[in-house]
Amino acid sequence: MNTHTLGLNRFQWILAVVLVTQIILAIVVNLPHKTRAESNPLVEGFDPASIVDVVIENQSTDKLHLAEVNGEWVLPEAGDYPANADKVTEVLGKIQNIKTNRLVTQTAASHNQLQVAEDNFNGRVTFTDSNGKPQTLYIGSSAGSGATHVRLDGMNQVYLTSELTSWEVTPTVSSWIDTTYITLDQDQLQTLRVENANGSFSFHKDESEKWTLEDLNEGEDLDSSGLQTKINRFTTLRMVEPLGTTAQTSWGLNQPLATAVFGLADGTTVSIAVGALGQNGNYAIKASNSPYYVDIAATTAESLINMDRASLLLQPTATPTPAP
């Protein structure tokens, strides 16, 4: 191979490398550009500490109102009953963390399908800051594990987020409060008196700390286990929801269906009055050691309302009839 031929081959090789490089560059230059998704906060300038009012709704028209009063989160429609401030703060923090880096759609026509429309949503949270500015967040359908559609009112854009789900902002009152209404120390209980339409029933602990029913007749025995079950319901009494601090006639507490008075070892008493059955299937009650009227479950209330002498006694065991 002569020098001319060698030089030509080298030149051809260089041209080939240049051509391939140009082709690669052309491909790269002409590839469609995928811009990096923006990762801005969905709610610009959102400061959880500035929020003083929150309204939570679902599609079933259930609504829960939370407000900050004197630095404490409360239920204003229930006599400012204390709410779980930690949960309110947690949810507001989750809203603050929702970003715009997972855009799903920018068309209003998709809102209904994704359940973030004004009249079709899984959850709606309206939060108002201390300047009186309200904003509303729609929480929609799930798009799989850890992904929920969200939309800020006034915007067509719908985003996916893993920060918040609709079940975290349910308007069920019990999800936002401590449902324990009153607690009584079992060891301090000494007496109990219950009155209802079936009569009056008085109980006390004997020397062995066992409950007994006063005026037992010969051959009668108290069903101590059954009574203890009833007492347990009231020594840690849980509510369905608070009603407020001002009695309403419809609650029926001016003529209670039952009353229970617990006597403690220090000589003090705690009384509970059971009012009417509400349309929600719960009973209104009031305890003397709480300023609040509350609803409690029917099974708990009816353990006092339906108490009668027969249900308090052990039933005699039937003697088998001998086979002929």
Foldseek 3Di string as FASTA:
>chain_A
DDPVVVVVVVVVVVVVVVVVVVVVVVCVVPDDDDDQFFWAQQDPPQDLVFWAKKWKAALVGQIFIWGQDPNFIARVQQARHGWQPVLSSLVSVLSRNDTRRFWDDQAQVCCQVFQQDPNGAGMKMWIAGPVGDIWIKGWGDAPDPQWTWIDTPPGSIIGIGSSDHSVSRDRQRVSIHPQFDAAADLVFWAKKWKQAPQGIWIWGADPVRFIDTPPDDPPWGFPRVLVVVLVVCVNRPGFSWWRHQDDDVVLAQVPFRMKMWTATNVGDIKMKGWGDQDPVQWIWMDIPVDSIIGTHHPVNSVVRNVDHDVVGTDDDDDDDDDDD
